[in-house]
């Protein structure tokens, strides 16, 4: 599941002109996309999307 979510985040970032390179996840066990590293990536993309909305670019 982890790779699919990273792929989706990358597609969203690319479609919105956001610089994003997924990082290797070192989470032990089954990551369901809610580990600290994944959450940090989601927050980064959300922050970038919000900034673009404020500028009228999204």
N, C-alpha and C. Protein backbone atom coordinates (compact mmCIF):
# COMPACT_ATOMS: atom_id res chain seq x y z
N UNK A 1 0.83 -1.20 0.00
CA UNK A 1 0.00 0.00 0.00
C UNK A 1 0.87 1.26 0.00
N UNK A 2 1.97 1.18 0.67
CA UNK A 2 2.85 2.34 0.81
C UNK A 2 3.24 2.92 -0.54
N UNK A 3 3.62 2.07 -1.49
CA UNK A 3 4.05 2.56 -2.80
C UNK A 3 2.91 3.22 -3.56
N UNK A 4 1.72 2.66 -3.46
CA UNK A 4 0.58 3.24 -4.15
C UNK A 4 0.29 4.64 -3.63
N UNK A 5 0.37 4.81 -2.33
CA UNK A 5 0.10 6.13 -1.75
C UNK A 5 1.18 7.13 -2.14
N UNK A 6 2.43 6.70 -2.16
CA UNK A 6 3.50 7.60 -2.58
C UNK A 6 3.32 8.00 -4.04
N UNK A 7 2.88 7.06 -4.86
CA UNK A 7 2.63 7.35 -6.27
C UNK A 7 1.51 8.37 -6.42
N UNK A 8 0.46 8.21 -5.65
CA UNK A 8 -0.66 9.15 -5.70
C UNK A 8 -0.22 10.53 -5.24
N UNK A 9 0.55 10.59 -4.15
CA UNK A 9 1.04 11.89 -3.68
C UNK A 9 1.92 12.55 -4.75
N UNK A 10 2.75 11.76 -5.41
CA UNK A 10 3.62 12.29 -6.47
C UNK A 10 2.79 12.83 -7.63
N UNK A 11 1.74 12.12 -8.01
CA UNK A 11 0.87 12.57 -9.10
C UNK A 11 0.17 13.88 -8.74
N UNK A 12 -0.30 13.98 -7.51
CA UNK A 12 -0.97 15.21 -7.06
C UNK A 12 0.02 16.37 -7.08
N UNK A 13 1.21 16.12 -6.57
CA UNK A 13 2.23 17.17 -6.54
C UNK A 13 2.59 17.61 -7.97
N UNK A 14 2.84 16.66 -8.84
CA UNK A 14 3.21 16.99 -10.22
C UNK A 14 2.11 17.77 -10.92
N UNK A 15 0.87 17.36 -10.72
CA UNK A 15 -0.26 18.02 -11.37
C UNK A 15 -0.44 19.46 -10.90
N UNK A 16 0.09 19.75 -9.71
CA UNK A 16 -0.06 21.09 -9.15
C UNK A 16 1.24 21.88 -9.10
N UNK A 17 2.27 21.38 -9.77
CA UNK A 17 3.54 22.09 -9.83
C UNK A 17 4.26 22.16 -8.49
N UNK A 18 4.08 21.15 -7.66
CA UNK A 18 4.71 21.10 -6.35
C UNK A 18 5.94 20.20 -6.43
N UNK A 19 7.06 20.71 -5.94
CA UNK A 19 8.27 19.90 -5.90
C UNK A 19 8.12 18.89 -4.77
N UNK A 20 8.16 17.62 -5.12
CA UNK A 20 7.98 16.55 -4.13
C UNK A 20 8.71 15.31 -4.60
N UNK A 21 9.58 14.82 -3.77
CA UNK A 21 10.26 13.55 -4.02
C UNK A 21 9.99 12.65 -2.82
N UNK A 22 9.27 11.56 -3.03
CA UNK A 22 8.99 10.66 -1.91
C UNK A 22 10.28 10.16 -1.27
N UNK A 23 10.25 10.08 0.04
CA UNK A 23 11.41 9.59 0.77
C UNK A 23 11.21 8.13 1.12
N UNK A 24 12.32 7.44 1.30
CA UNK A 24 12.25 6.04 1.69
C UNK A 24 11.66 5.95 3.10
N UNK A 25 10.69 5.09 3.25
CA UNK A 25 10.03 4.91 4.54
C UNK A 25 10.77 3.84 5.33
N UNK A 26 11.14 4.17 6.55
CA UNK A 26 11.84 3.22 7.41
C UNK A 26 10.93 2.64 8.48
N UNK A 27 9.64 2.80 8.29
CA UNK A 27 8.67 2.31 9.26
C UNK A 27 8.76 0.80 9.37
N UNK A 28 8.80 0.30 10.58
CA UNK A 28 8.84 -1.15 10.81
C UNK A 28 7.41 -1.66 10.91
N UNK A 29 7.10 -2.66 10.14
CA UNK A 29 5.75 -3.20 10.15
C UNK A 29 5.00 -2.75 8.91
N UNK A 30 3.72 -2.99 8.90
CA UNK A 30 2.90 -2.62 7.75
C UNK A 30 2.47 -1.16 7.85
N UNK A 31 2.97 -0.37 6.94
CA UNK A 31 2.61 1.05 6.90
C UNK A 31 1.29 1.19 6.16
N UNK A 32 0.34 1.80 6.78
CA UNK A 32 -0.96 2.03 6.15
C UNK A 32 -1.10 3.47 5.68
N UNK A 33 0.05 4.13 5.54
CA UNK A 33 0.03 5.51 5.08
C UNK A 33 -0.16 6.51 6.19
N UNK A 34 -0.11 6.03 7.43
CA UNK A 34 -0.32 6.93 8.57
C UNK A 34 0.89 6.98 9.50
N UNK A 35 2.02 6.43 9.07
CA UNK A 35 3.22 6.51 9.89
C UNK A 35 3.70 7.97 9.90
N UNK A 36 4.57 8.34 10.82
CA UNK A 36 5.03 9.73 10.89
C UNK A 36 5.62 10.27 9.58
N UNK A 37 6.38 9.45 8.88
CA UNK A 37 6.99 9.90 7.62
C UNK A 37 5.92 10.19 6.56
N UNK A 38 4.95 9.30 6.45
CA UNK A 38 3.87 9.49 5.47
C UNK A 38 3.02 10.70 5.83
N UNK A 39 2.72 10.84 7.10
CA UNK A 39 1.93 11.99 7.55
C UNK A 39 2.65 13.29 7.25
N UNK A 40 3.96 13.31 7.43
CA UNK A 40 4.73 14.52 7.15
C UNK A 40 4.67 14.86 5.66
N UNK A 41 4.74 13.86 4.80
CA UNK A 41 4.65 14.10 3.36
C UNK A 41 3.27 14.64 2.99
N UNK A 42 2.22 14.07 3.58
CA UNK A 42 0.86 14.54 3.30
C UNK A 42 0.71 15.99 3.75
N UNK A 43 1.20 16.31 4.93
CA UNK A 43 1.09 17.68 5.44
C UNK A 43 1.83 18.66 4.55
N UNK A 44 2.99 18.26 4.04
CA UNK A 44 3.75 19.12 3.14
C UNK A 44 2.94 19.43 1.89
N UNK A 45 2.37 18.39 1.28
CA UNK A 45 1.58 18.60 0.06
C UNK A 45 0.35 19.45 0.35
N UNK A 46 -0.33 19.19 1.46
CA UNK A 46 -1.50 19.99 1.83
C UNK A 46 -1.12 21.46 2.02
N UNK A 47 0.01 21.70 2.67
CA UNK A 47 0.46 23.07 2.90
C UNK A 47 0.75 23.77 1.57
N UNK A 48 1.39 23.05 0.66
CA UNK A 48 1.70 23.62 -0.65
C UNK A 48 0.42 23.89 -1.44
N UNK A 49 -0.54 22.97 -1.38
CA UNK A 49 -1.82 23.17 -2.07
C UNK A 49 -2.56 24.38 -1.51
N UNK A 50 -2.57 24.51 -0.19
CA UNK A 50 -3.23 25.66 0.44
C UNK A 50 -2.57 26.97 0.03
N UNK A 51 -1.25 26.98 -0.03
CA UNK A 51 -0.53 28.18 -0.45
C UNK A 51 -0.89 28.54 -1.89
N UNK A 52 -1.00 27.54 -2.74
CA UNK A 52 -1.35 27.78 -4.14
C UNK A 52 -2.79 28.28 -4.26
N UNK A 53 -3.68 27.76 -3.44
CA UNK A 53 -5.08 28.24 -3.46
C UNK A 53 -5.13 29.71 -3.07
N UNK A 54 -4.36 30.07 -2.06
CA UNK A 54 -4.35 31.46 -1.60
C UNK A 54 -3.84 32.40 -2.70
N UNK A 55 -2.95 31.88 -3.53
CA UNK A 55 -2.40 32.68 -4.63
C UNK A 55 -3.23 32.56 -5.91
N UNK A 56 -4.28 31.75 -5.85
CA UNK A 56 -5.14 31.55 -7.00
C UNK A 56 -4.54 30.65 -8.07
N UNK A 57 -3.61 29.79 -7.66
CA UNK A 57 -2.94 28.91 -8.62
C UNK A 57 -3.46 27.48 -8.57
N UNK A 58 -4.39 27.20 -7.70
CA UNK A 58 -4.91 25.82 -7.61
C UNK A 58 -6.42 25.85 -7.59
